[in-house]
Amino acid sequence: MSAHAIGRRPALEERRRLVAESLRVSNPGNNARDLPTQADPRHDCQIELAVDEIKPYEHNPRRSDNAKFDEIKESIRACGIRNPITVTRRPGEQHFIIEAGGNTRLSAIQALWAETRDPRYQKLTALFRPWRSESHVLTAHLIENEQRGEMTFVLSPTTHREGMVDVGSTVSVRYVNDGAMHVATAVTAEHPRPSR
């Protein structure tokens, strides 16, 4: 080996050592802990969610438990969820909420997951709709309950007063009355009173 080649060797070994040291650098810290793991889609689409990521809509117009809960739960056990749940997410929230009816189906599949830990009940495919407003979600629940014949006139105006208005906005008595009359008219048209 020539003297020239021996003189280059330490420089080559030094470069290898420096490269090896540079590869031992750790990953940078996570400065985005408060961001959702993925941004919400801007359009309606199907998404797969863990059932624990979804919460029932807390202003659900139905004030009592669904009498058919056990029947719905057994149907899900036998066949899965046939009608997909529709979800949305409020800006800044980590969890999803039921957007247009489906609170009972959600409770049933969550109960099955808690009871069995069967992977069939751990996740579900849901229709995601981008957030619009509180009033939109409440209206969607009212419509769903009316279509199923589970809404009464007594519950409708109460619902309008309690949650129909978005946070920070004002509402007139006329607004509440118009909303209540709209719901009452829809119920009356579907279930007319018998004539006397």
N, C-alpha and C. Protein backbone atom coordinates (compact mmCIF):
# COMPACT_ATOMS: atom_id res chain seq x y z
N MET A 1 0.85 -1.16 0.00
CA MET A 1 0.00 0.00 0.00
C MET A 1 0.90 1.22 0.00
N SER A 2 0.57 2.23 -0.77
CA SER A 2 1.42 3.41 -0.86
C SER A 2 1.20 4.30 0.36
N ALA A 3 2.14 5.16 0.59
CA ALA A 3 2.05 6.10 1.70
C ALA A 3 0.88 7.05 1.49
N HIS A 4 0.61 7.34 0.22
CA HIS A 4 -0.50 8.24 -0.10
C HIS A 4 -1.84 7.62 0.31
N ALA A 5 -2.04 6.31 0.05
CA ALA A 5 -3.28 5.62 0.37
C ALA A 5 -3.45 5.50 1.88
N ILE A 6 -2.34 5.27 2.60
CA ILE A 6 -2.43 5.17 4.06
C ILE A 6 -2.81 6.53 4.65
N GLY A 7 -2.31 7.61 4.06
CA GLY A 7 -2.63 8.95 4.54
C GLY A 7 -4.11 9.28 4.37
N ARG A 8 -4.80 8.73 3.41
CA ARG A 8 -6.22 8.99 3.17
C ARG A 8 -7.13 8.18 4.10
N ARG A 9 -6.61 7.07 4.58
CA ARG A 9 -7.44 6.16 5.36
C ARG A 9 -8.06 6.83 6.59
N PRO A 10 -7.33 7.53 7.42
CA PRO A 10 -7.98 8.15 8.58
C PRO A 10 -9.08 9.13 8.17
N ALA A 11 -8.89 9.81 7.09
CA ALA A 11 -9.94 10.74 6.67
C ALA A 11 -11.20 9.96 6.29
N LEU A 12 -11.06 8.84 5.61
CA LEU A 12 -12.20 8.01 5.23
C LEU A 12 -12.87 7.44 6.48
N GLU A 13 -12.10 6.92 7.41
CA GLU A 13 -12.65 6.38 8.66
C GLU A 13 -13.35 7.48 9.46
N GLU A 14 -12.78 8.66 9.47
CA GLU A 14 -13.40 9.79 10.19
C GLU A 14 -14.74 10.16 9.55
N ARG A 15 -14.79 10.15 8.25
CA ARG A 15 -16.06 10.44 7.56
C ARG A 15 -17.11 9.38 7.87
N ARG A 16 -16.74 8.13 7.90
CA ARG A 16 -17.68 7.07 8.23
C ARG A 16 -18.23 7.24 9.65
N ARG A 17 -17.34 7.59 10.57
CA ARG A 17 -17.76 7.81 11.95
C ARG A 17 -18.75 8.97 12.04
N LEU A 18 -18.47 10.06 11.33
CA LEU A 18 -19.37 11.22 11.36
C LEU A 18 -20.73 10.90 10.75
N VAL A 19 -20.71 10.14 9.67
CA VAL A 19 -21.98 9.73 9.05
C VAL A 19 -22.78 8.85 10.01
N ALA A 20 -22.12 7.90 10.65
CA ALA A 20 -22.81 7.00 11.59
C ALA A 20 -23.41 7.80 12.76
N GLU A 21 -22.68 8.76 13.27
CA GLU A 21 -23.19 9.60 14.36
C GLU A 21 -24.39 10.43 13.91
N SER A 22 -24.33 10.93 12.69
CA SER A 22 -25.44 11.76 12.21
C SER A 22 -26.72 10.95 12.04
N LEU A 23 -26.59 9.67 11.81
CA LEU A 23 -27.76 8.81 11.65
C LEU A 23 -28.42 8.46 12.98
N ARG A 24 -27.76 8.74 14.09
CA ARG A 24 -28.30 8.42 15.41
C ARG A 24 -29.16 9.55 15.98
N VAL A 25 -29.51 10.53 15.18
CA VAL A 25 -30.32 11.65 15.63
C VAL A 25 -31.75 11.17 15.84
N SER A 26 -32.37 11.56 16.93
CA SER A 26 -33.74 11.13 17.20
C SER A 26 -34.72 11.98 16.39
N ASN A 27 -35.96 11.49 16.33
CA ASN A 27 -37.01 12.23 15.61
C ASN A 27 -37.36 13.50 16.37
N PRO A 28 -37.78 14.53 15.66
CA PRO A 28 -38.19 15.76 16.35
C PRO A 28 -39.45 15.50 17.18
N GLY A 29 -39.67 16.30 18.20
CA GLY A 29 -40.84 16.15 19.07
C GLY A 29 -42.13 16.43 18.33
N ASN A 30 -43.24 15.92 18.87
CA ASN A 30 -44.56 16.12 18.28
C ASN A 30 -45.12 17.43 18.80
N ASN A 31 -45.19 18.42 17.94
CA ASN A 31 -45.74 19.71 18.32
C ASN A 31 -47.19 19.86 17.91
N ALA A 32 -47.80 18.79 17.45
CA ALA A 32 -49.18 18.85 16.95
C ALA A 32 -50.10 17.92 17.75
N ARG A 33 -49.87 17.79 19.04
CA ARG A 33 -50.65 16.85 19.85
C ARG A 33 -52.14 17.18 19.88
N ASP A 34 -52.49 18.44 19.78
CA ASP A 34 -53.89 18.83 19.90
C ASP A 34 -54.65 18.78 18.59
N LEU A 35 -53.98 18.46 17.49
CA LEU A 35 -54.66 18.38 16.20
C LEU A 35 -55.29 17.00 16.04
N PRO A 36 -56.42 16.93 15.33
CA PRO A 36 -56.98 15.60 15.06
C PRO A 36 -56.01 14.79 14.22
N THR A 37 -56.11 13.46 14.30
CA THR A 37 -55.18 12.61 13.56
C THR A 37 -55.33 12.82 12.06
N GLN A 38 -56.49 13.20 11.62
CA GLN A 38 -56.66 13.56 10.22
C GLN A 38 -57.73 14.64 10.13
N ALA A 39 -57.60 15.49 9.15
CA ALA A 39 -58.59 16.55 8.96
C ALA A 39 -59.90 15.95 8.48
N ASP A 40 -60.99 16.57 8.89
CA ASP A 40 -62.30 16.10 8.45
C ASP A 40 -62.48 16.37 6.96
N PRO A 41 -63.10 15.43 6.25
CA PRO A 41 -63.36 15.65 4.83
C PRO A 41 -64.29 16.86 4.64
N ARG A 42 -64.24 17.46 3.49
CA ARG A 42 -65.08 18.63 3.19
C ARG A 42 -66.40 18.25 2.55
N HIS A 43 -66.54 17.00 2.18
CA HIS A 43 -67.75 16.52 1.50
C HIS A 43 -68.27 15.27 2.21
N ASP A 44 -69.52 14.94 1.96
CA ASP A 44 -70.09 13.71 2.50
C ASP A 44 -69.26 12.53 1.99
N CYS A 45 -68.97 11.60 2.89
CA CYS A 45 -68.23 10.40 2.49
C CYS A 45 -68.36 9.34 3.57
N GLN A 46 -68.01 8.12 3.22
CA GLN A 46 -67.99 7.04 4.20
C GLN A 46 -66.65 7.03 4.90
N ILE A 47 -66.69 6.80 6.22
CA ILE A 47 -65.46 6.66 6.99
C ILE A 47 -65.64 5.51 7.97
N GLU A 48 -64.54 4.89 8.33
CA GLU A 48 -64.57 3.82 9.33
C GLU A 48 -64.11 4.41 10.66
N LEU A 49 -64.91 4.19 11.70
CA LEU A 49 -64.61 4.74 13.02
C LEU A 49 -64.73 3.66 14.08
N ALA A 50 -63.92 3.78 15.12
CA ALA A 50 -64.12 2.95 16.30
C ALA A 50 -65.39 3.45 16.99
N VAL A 51 -66.19 2.53 17.52
CA VAL A 51 -67.45 2.94 18.14
C VAL A 51 -67.21 3.87 19.33
N ASP A 52 -66.05 3.78 19.94
CA ASP A 52 -65.73 4.65 21.08
C ASP A 52 -65.43 6.08 20.66
N GLU A 53 -65.23 6.32 19.36
CA GLU A 53 -64.97 7.67 18.86
C GLU A 53 -66.26 8.46 18.61
N ILE A 54 -67.40 7.81 18.77
CA ILE A 54 -68.69 8.43 18.46
C ILE A 54 -69.49 8.58 19.74
N LYS A 55 -70.13 9.73 19.90
CA LYS A 55 -71.00 9.96 21.05
C LYS A 55 -72.41 10.24 20.54
N PRO A 56 -73.41 9.87 21.35
CA PRO A 56 -74.79 10.21 20.97
C PRO A 56 -74.96 11.73 20.96
N TYR A 57 -75.93 12.20 20.21
CA TYR A 57 -76.22 13.63 20.18
C TYR A 57 -76.89 14.00 21.49
N GLU A 58 -76.26 14.90 22.23
CA GLU A 58 -76.73 15.21 23.59
C GLU A 58 -78.04 15.99 23.64
N HIS A 59 -78.48 16.57 22.52
CA HIS A 59 -79.75 17.29 22.48
C HIS A 59 -80.80 16.50 21.71
N ASN A 60 -80.67 15.19 21.72
CA ASN A 60 -81.61 14.33 21.01
C ASN A 60 -83.04 14.67 21.44
N PRO A 61 -83.93 14.95 20.49
CA PRO A 61 -85.31 15.29 20.85
C PRO A 61 -86.04 14.19 21.60
N ARG A 62 -85.65 12.94 21.39
CA ARG A 62 -86.29 11.84 22.12
C ARG A 62 -85.82 11.91 23.57
N ARG A 63 -86.76 12.03 24.47
CA ARG A 63 -86.44 12.22 25.89
C ARG A 63 -86.46 10.93 26.69
N SER A 64 -86.89 9.84 26.10
CA SER A 64 -86.94 8.57 26.82
C SER A 64 -86.17 7.52 26.04
N ASP A 65 -85.83 6.43 26.71
CA ASP A 65 -85.12 5.34 26.05
C ASP A 65 -86.02 4.72 24.99
N ASN A 66 -85.41 4.24 23.95
CA ASN A 66 -86.15 3.57 22.88
C ASN A 66 -86.65 2.23 23.40
N ALA A 67 -87.95 2.02 23.34
CA ALA A 67 -88.56 0.78 23.82
C ALA A 67 -88.07 -0.43 23.03
N LYS A 68 -87.55 -0.20 21.82
CA LYS A 68 -87.10 -1.30 20.97
C LYS A 68 -85.59 -1.54 21.08
N PHE A 69 -84.96 -1.00 22.12
CA PHE A 69 -83.50 -1.11 22.25
C PHE A 69 -83.04 -2.56 22.18
N ASP A 70 -83.63 -3.45 22.97
CA ASP A 70 -83.18 -4.86 22.99
C ASP A 70 -83.37 -5.52 21.63
N GLU A 71 -84.46 -5.19 20.96
CA GLU A 71 -84.72 -5.74 19.63
C GLU A 71 -83.67 -5.24 18.63
N ILE A 72 -83.35 -3.98 18.69
CA ILE A 72 -82.34 -3.39 17.80
C ILE A 72 -80.97 -4.00 18.08
N LYS A 73 -80.65 -4.16 19.36
CA LYS A 73 -79.36 -4.75 19.75
C LYS A 73 -79.23 -6.17 19.21
N GLU A 74 -80.28 -6.97 19.34
CA GLU A 74 -80.24 -8.35 18.84
C GLU A 74 -80.16 -8.40 17.32
N SER A 75 -80.80 -7.44 16.66
CA SER A 75 -80.71 -7.36 15.20
C SER A 75 -79.28 -7.06 14.77
N ILE A 76 -78.62 -6.15 15.48
CA ILE A 76 -77.22 -5.82 15.16
C ILE A 76 -76.33 -7.03 15.45
N ARG A 77 -76.62 -7.74 16.53
CA ARG A 77 -75.83 -8.94 16.86
C ARG A 77 -75.94 -9.96 15.72
N ALA A 78 -77.14 -10.12 15.18
CA ALA A 78 -77.38 -11.13 14.14
C ALA A 78 -76.91 -10.68 12.76
N CYS A 79 -77.14 -9.41 12.42
CA CYS A 79 -76.93 -8.97 11.03
C CYS A 79 -75.99 -7.78 10.87
N GLY A 80 -75.55 -7.18 11.95
CA GLY A 80 -74.76 -5.96 11.84
C GLY A 80 -75.68 -4.76 11.62
N ILE A 81 -75.08 -3.61 11.41
CA ILE A 81 -75.86 -2.40 11.16
C ILE A 81 -76.16 -2.33 9.67
N ARG A 82 -77.43 -2.39 9.33
CA ARG A 82 -77.82 -2.37 7.91
C ARG A 82 -77.96 -0.95 7.38
N ASN A 83 -78.44 -0.05 8.21
CA ASN A 83 -78.55 1.36 7.81
C ASN A 83 -77.40 2.12 8.46
N PRO A 84 -76.47 2.63 7.67
CA PRO A 84 -75.30 3.28 8.26
C PRO A 84 -75.70 4.48 9.13
N ILE A 85 -74.94 4.67 10.17
CA ILE A 85 -75.11 5.83 11.04
C ILE A 85 -74.48 7.02 10.35
N THR A 86 -75.12 8.18 10.49
CA THR A 86 -74.58 9.42 9.92
C THR A 86 -73.96 10.21 11.06
N VAL A 87 -72.70 10.63 10.87
CA VAL A 87 -71.98 11.36 11.91
C VAL A 87 -71.48 12.70 11.39
N THR A 88 -71.15 13.57 12.32
CA THR A 88 -70.51 14.84 12.02
C THR A 88 -69.58 15.15 13.18
N ARG A 89 -68.83 16.23 13.08
CA ARG A 89 -67.96 16.62 14.19
C ARG A 89 -67.94 18.13 14.29
N ARG A 90 -68.21 18.60 15.51
CA ARG A 90 -68.14 20.04 15.76
C ARG A 90 -66.70 20.51 15.60
N PRO A 91 -66.51 21.73 15.13
CA PRO A 91 -65.14 22.26 15.00
C PRO A 91 -64.43 22.23 16.35
N GLY A 92 -63.22 21.72 16.34
CA GLY A 92 -62.39 21.68 17.54
C GLY A 92 -62.63 20.48 18.44
N GLU A 93 -63.64 19.67 18.17
CA GLU A 93 -63.92 18.49 18.99
C GLU A 93 -63.09 17.30 18.51
N GLN A 94 -62.80 16.40 19.44
CA GLN A 94 -62.07 15.19 19.09
C GLN A 94 -63.01 14.05 18.70
N HIS A 95 -64.21 14.03 19.27
CA HIS A 95 -65.14 12.93 19.01
C HIS A 95 -66.17 13.33 17.95
N PHE A 96 -66.79 12.33 17.38
CA PHE A 96 -67.86 12.51 16.41
C PHE A 96 -69.19 12.41 17.15
N ILE A 97 -70.26 12.97 16.58
CA ILE A 97 -71.60 12.84 17.14
C ILE A 97 -72.55 12.35 16.06
N ILE A 98 -73.64 11.76 16.50
CA ILE A 98 -74.69 11.32 15.57
C ILE A 98 -75.30 12.56 14.94
N GLU A 99 -75.41 12.57 13.62
CA GLU A 99 -75.87 13.76 12.91
C GLU A 99 -77.36 13.72 12.57
N ALA A 100 -77.91 12.57 12.31
CA ALA A 100 -79.31 12.52 11.85
C ALA A 100 -79.99 11.24 12.28
N GLY A 101 -80.21 11.08 13.56
CA GLY A 101 -80.84 9.85 14.05
C GLY A 101 -79.83 8.71 14.07
N GLY A 102 -80.04 7.78 14.96
CA GLY A 102 -79.13 6.63 15.06
C GLY A 102 -78.53 6.49 16.44
N ASN A 103 -78.99 7.31 17.40
CA ASN A 103 -78.46 7.22 18.76
C ASN A 103 -78.69 5.83 19.37
N THR A 104 -79.85 5.21 19.10
CA THR A 104 -80.14 3.89 19.65
C THR A 104 -79.23 2.84 19.02
N ARG A 105 -79.03 2.91 17.71
CA ARG A 105 -78.14 1.95 17.05
C ARG A 105 -76.72 2.09 17.60
N LEU A 106 -76.28 3.33 17.81
CA LEU A 106 -74.95 3.55 18.37
C LEU A 106 -74.86 2.95 19.77
N SER A 107 -75.85 3.22 20.62
CA SER A 107 -75.83 2.68 21.99
C SER A 107 -75.82 1.16 21.97
N ALA A 108 -76.56 0.57 21.03
CA ALA A 108 -76.64 -0.89 20.95
C ALA A 108 -75.29 -1.48 20.54
N ILE A 109 -74.65 -0.92 19.54
CA ILE A 109 -73.36 -1.49 19.10
C ILE A 109 -72.27 -1.22 20.14
N GLN A 110 -72.34 -0.08 20.82
CA GLN A 110 -71.38 0.18 21.89
C GLN A 110 -71.57 -0.81 23.04
N ALA A 111 -72.83 -1.15 23.35
CA ALA A 111 -73.10 -2.14 24.40
C ALA A 111 -72.57 -3.51 23.98
N LEU A 112 -72.77 -3.89 22.72
CA LEU A 112 -72.25 -5.17 22.23
C LEU A 112 -70.73 -5.21 22.31
N TRP A 113 -70.07 -4.12 21.95
CA TRP A 113 -68.61 -4.05 22.03
C TRP A 113 -68.15 -4.17 23.49
N ALA A 114 -68.81 -3.46 24.39
CA ALA A 114 -68.42 -3.51 25.81
C ALA A 114 -68.65 -4.90 26.40
N GLU A 115 -69.73 -5.57 26.01
CA GLU A 115 -70.06 -6.88 26.55
C GLU A 115 -69.19 -7.99 26.00
N THR A 116 -68.90 -7.95 24.71
CA THR A 116 -68.28 -9.10 24.05
C THR A 116 -66.81 -8.89 23.65
N ARG A 117 -66.43 -7.67 23.43
CA ARG A 117 -65.10 -7.34 22.87
C ARG A 117 -64.88 -8.07 21.55
N ASP A 118 -65.96 -8.39 20.88
CA ASP A 118 -65.91 -9.03 19.56
C ASP A 118 -65.52 -7.95 18.55
N PRO A 119 -64.48 -8.18 17.76
CA PRO A 119 -64.02 -7.17 16.80
C PRO A 119 -65.10 -6.71 15.81
N ARG A 120 -66.14 -7.53 15.61
CA ARG A 120 -67.23 -7.12 14.70
C ARG A 120 -67.90 -5.85 15.19
N TYR A 121 -67.86 -5.59 16.49
CA TYR A 121 -68.56 -4.45 17.07
C TYR A 121 -67.62 -3.30 17.44
N GLN A 122 -66.34 -3.46 17.17
CA GLN A 122 -65.38 -2.43 17.56
C GLN A 122 -65.41 -1.22 16.63
N LYS A 123 -65.65 -1.46 15.35
CA LYS A 123 -65.66 -0.38 14.36
C LYS A 123 -66.92 -0.47 13.53
N LEU A 124 -67.25 0.65 12.90
CA LEU A 124 -68.37 0.66 11.97
C LEU A 124 -68.08 1.64 10.85
N THR A 125 -68.73 1.42 9.74
CA THR A 125 -68.65 2.34 8.62
C THR A 125 -69.81 3.31 8.75
N ALA A 126 -69.49 4.60 8.76
CA ALA A 126 -70.51 5.64 8.94
C ALA A 126 -70.46 6.60 7.76
N LEU A 127 -71.57 7.27 7.54
CA LEU A 127 -71.60 8.35 6.57
C LEU A 127 -71.20 9.61 7.32
N PHE A 128 -70.12 10.24 6.89
CA PHE A 128 -69.67 11.48 7.52
C PHE A 128 -70.21 12.67 6.73
N ARG A 129 -70.76 13.63 7.44
CA ARG A 129 -71.20 14.89 6.83
C ARG A 129 -70.47 16.02 7.53
N PRO A 130 -69.89 16.94 6.78
CA PRO A 130 -69.19 18.07 7.42
C PRO A 130 -70.13 18.87 8.31
N TRP A 131 -69.59 19.44 9.36
CA TRP A 131 -70.36 20.23 10.32
C TRP A 131 -71.01 21.42 9.63
N ARG A 132 -72.29 21.65 9.94
CA ARG A 132 -73.00 22.83 9.43
C ARG A 132 -73.38 23.74 10.57
N SER A 133 -74.17 23.22 11.54
CA SER A 133 -74.59 24.04 12.68
C SER A 133 -75.35 23.16 13.67
N GLU A 134 -75.52 23.68 14.90
CA GLU A 134 -76.33 22.97 15.90
C GLU A 134 -77.76 22.82 15.40
N SER A 135 -78.29 23.91 14.83
CA SER A 135 -79.68 23.85 14.38
C SER A 135 -79.87 22.82 13.28
N HIS A 136 -78.88 22.66 12.42
CA HIS A 136 -78.97 21.64 11.36
C HIS A 136 -79.04 20.24 11.97
N VAL A 137 -78.18 19.96 12.94
CA VAL A 137 -78.16 18.63 13.56
C VAL A 137 -79.46 18.37 14.30
N LEU A 138 -79.93 19.34 15.05
CA LEU A 138 -81.19 19.15 15.77
C LEU A 138 -82.34 18.93 14.81
N THR A 139 -82.40 19.71 13.74
CA THR A 139 -83.45 19.54 12.74
C THR A 139 -83.39 18.16 12.11
N ALA A 140 -82.19 17.68 11.83
CA ALA A 140 -82.04 16.34 11.25
C ALA A 140 -82.59 15.27 12.20
N HIS A 141 -82.37 15.45 13.50
CA HIS A 141 -82.91 14.50 14.48
C HIS A 141 -84.43 14.61 14.56
N LEU A 142 -84.96 15.82 14.51
CA LEU A 142 -86.41 16.00 14.52
C LEU A 142 -87.05 15.30 13.33
N ILE A 143 -86.48 15.50 12.17
CA ILE A 143 -87.02 14.89 10.95
C ILE A 143 -86.95 13.37 11.04
N GLU A 144 -85.83 12.84 11.50
CA GLU A 144 -85.68 11.39 11.65
C GLU A 144 -86.74 10.82 12.59
N ASN A 145 -86.94 11.49 13.73
CA ASN A 145 -87.93 11.01 14.69
C ASN A 145 -89.35 11.12 14.14
N GLU A 146 -89.64 12.19 13.41
CA GLU A 146 -90.97 12.33 12.80
C GLU A 146 -91.21 11.22 11.78
N GLN A 147 -90.20 10.94 10.95
CA GLN A 147 -90.36 9.91 9.93
C GLN A 147 -90.61 8.54 10.54
N ARG A 148 -90.07 8.32 11.71
CA ARG A 148 -90.27 7.04 12.39
C ARG A 148 -91.51 7.05 13.26
N GLY A 149 -92.21 8.19 13.30
CA GLY A 149 -93.43 8.28 14.10
C GLY A 149 -93.15 8.30 15.59
N GLU A 150 -91.96 8.76 15.98
CA GLU A 150 -91.57 8.73 17.38
C GLU A 150 -91.57 10.12 18.01
N MET A 151 -92.17 11.09 17.35
CA MET A 151 -92.15 12.46 17.85
C MET A 151 -93.58 12.88 18.15
N THR A 152 -93.74 13.61 19.21
CA THR A 152 -95.06 14.14 19.53
C THR A 152 -94.98 15.65 19.55
N PHE A 153 -96.14 16.30 19.40
CA PHE A 153 -96.18 17.75 19.40
C PHE A 153 -95.64 18.32 20.70
N VAL A 154 -95.86 17.64 21.81
CA VAL A 154 -95.40 18.13 23.10
C VAL A 154 -93.88 18.22 23.13
N LEU A 155 -93.19 17.27 22.54
CA LEU A 155 -91.73 17.31 22.54
C LEU A 155 -91.18 18.34 21.56
N SER A 156 -91.85 18.55 20.45
CA SER A 156 -91.29 19.42 19.41
C SER A 156 -91.04 20.85 19.85
N PRO A 157 -92.01 21.57 20.43
CA PRO A 157 -91.70 22.94 20.82
C PRO A 157 -90.66 23.01 21.92
N THR A 158 -90.65 22.03 22.82
CA THR A 158 -89.62 22.00 23.86
C THR A 158 -88.25 21.91 23.21
N THR A 159 -88.13 21.07 22.21
CA THR A 159 -86.87 20.91 21.51
C THR A 159 -86.46 22.20 20.83
N HIS A 160 -87.40 22.86 20.21
CA HIS A 160 -87.07 24.12 19.54
C HIS A 160 -86.53 25.13 20.54
N ARG A 161 -87.15 25.22 21.71
CA ARG A 161 -86.69 26.20 22.70
C ARG A 161 -85.31 25.83 23.23
N GLU A 162 -85.04 24.54 23.42
CA GLU A 162 -83.82 24.13 24.09
C GLU A 162 -82.59 24.15 23.21
N GLY A 163 -82.69 23.82 21.96
CA GLY A 163 -81.46 23.65 21.21
C GLY A 163 -81.46 24.09 19.78
N MET A 164 -82.55 24.63 19.28
CA MET A 164 -82.63 24.93 17.86
C MET A 164 -81.73 26.08 17.45
N VAL A 165 -81.34 26.92 18.38
CA VAL A 165 -80.58 28.11 18.06
C VAL A 165 -79.12 27.87 18.34
N ASP A 166 -78.26 28.28 17.43
CA ASP A 166 -76.83 28.13 17.62
C ASP A 166 -76.35 29.01 18.76
N VAL A 167 -75.30 28.56 19.41
CA VAL A 167 -74.73 29.31 20.52
C VAL A 167 -74.34 30.71 20.06
N GLY A 168 -74.69 31.71 20.87
CA GLY A 168 -74.31 33.08 20.56
C GLY A 168 -75.33 33.84 19.75
N SER A 169 -76.38 33.20 19.26
CA SER A 169 -77.38 33.92 18.49
C SER A 169 -78.62 34.14 19.35
N THR A 170 -79.44 35.07 18.92
CA THR A 170 -80.66 35.36 19.65
C THR A 170 -81.84 34.79 18.90
N VAL A 171 -82.94 34.60 19.61
CA VAL A 171 -84.12 34.02 18.99
C VAL A 171 -85.35 34.77 19.51
N SER A 172 -86.28 34.96 18.63
CA SER A 172 -87.52 35.62 19.02
C SER A 172 -88.57 34.56 19.35
N VAL A 173 -89.61 34.99 20.05
CA VAL A 173 -90.73 34.09 20.35
C VAL A 173 -91.36 33.63 19.05
N ARG A 174 -91.41 34.52 18.06
CA ARG A 174 -92.00 34.15 16.77
C ARG A 174 -91.20 33.01 16.12
N TYR A 175 -89.88 33.08 16.22
CA TYR A 175 -89.04 32.02 15.65
C TYR A 175 -89.39 30.67 16.27
N VAL A 176 -89.48 30.65 17.60
CA VAL A 176 -89.83 29.41 18.29
C VAL A 176 -91.21 28.94 17.87
N ASN A 177 -92.16 29.88 17.82
CA ASN A 177 -93.52 29.53 17.44
C ASN A 177 -93.58 28.99 16.02
N ASP A 178 -92.91 29.67 15.09
CA ASP A 178 -92.91 29.20 13.70
C ASP A 178 -92.32 27.80 13.59
N GLY A 179 -91.22 27.57 14.30
CA GLY A 179 -90.61 26.24 14.28
C GLY A 179 -91.52 25.19 14.86
N ALA A 180 -92.17 25.52 15.97
CA ALA A 180 -93.09 24.57 16.60
C ALA A 180 -94.28 24.30 15.69
N MET A 181 -94.80 25.34 15.05
CA MET A 181 -95.95 25.16 14.17
C MET A 181 -95.57 24.32 12.95
N HIS A 182 -94.36 24.50 12.44
CA HIS A 182 -93.90 23.70 11.30
C HIS A 182 -93.90 22.22 11.67
N VAL A 183 -93.33 21.90 12.84
CA VAL A 183 -93.28 20.51 13.28
C VAL A 183 -94.68 20.00 13.56
N ALA A 184 -95.49 20.82 14.22
CA ALA A 184 -96.86 20.39 14.54
C ALA A 184 -97.66 20.13 13.27
N THR A 185 -97.47 20.98 12.25
CA THR A 185 -98.18 20.81 10.99
C THR A 185 -97.77 19.50 10.34
N ALA A 186 -96.49 19.19 10.37
CA ALA A 186 -96.02 17.94 9.76
C ALA A 186 -96.61 16.74 10.49
N VAL A 187 -96.65 16.79 11.81
CA VAL A 187 -97.21 15.68 12.57
C VAL A 187 -98.70 15.56 12.32
N THR A 188 -99.40 16.70 12.29
CA THR A 188 -100.85 16.68 12.06
C THR A 188 -101.17 16.12 10.68
N ALA A 189 -100.38 16.47 9.67
CA ALA A 189 -100.62 15.97 8.32
C ALA A 189 -100.44 14.46 8.26
N GLU A 190 -99.48 13.92 9.01
CA GLU A 190 -99.25 12.48 8.99
C GLU A 190 -100.26 11.73 9.84
N HIS A 191 -100.73 12.36 10.92
CA HIS A 191 -101.64 11.70 11.85
C HIS A 191 -102.84 12.61 12.13
N PRO A 192 -103.76 12.75 11.17
CA PRO A 192 -104.89 13.65 11.38
C PRO A 192 -105.77 13.17 12.52
N ARG A 193 -106.37 14.14 13.22
CA ARG A 193 -107.30 13.80 14.31
C ARG A 193 -108.60 13.26 13.72
N PRO A 194 -109.17 12.31 14.42
CA PRO A 194 -110.46 11.80 13.94
C PRO A 194 -111.52 12.87 14.09
N SER A 195 -112.47 12.94 13.14
CA SER A 195 -113.52 13.93 13.23
C SER A 195 -114.57 13.48 14.24
N ARG A 196 -115.21 14.47 14.86
CA ARG A 196 -116.20 14.14 15.91
C ARG A 196 -117.59 14.23 15.39
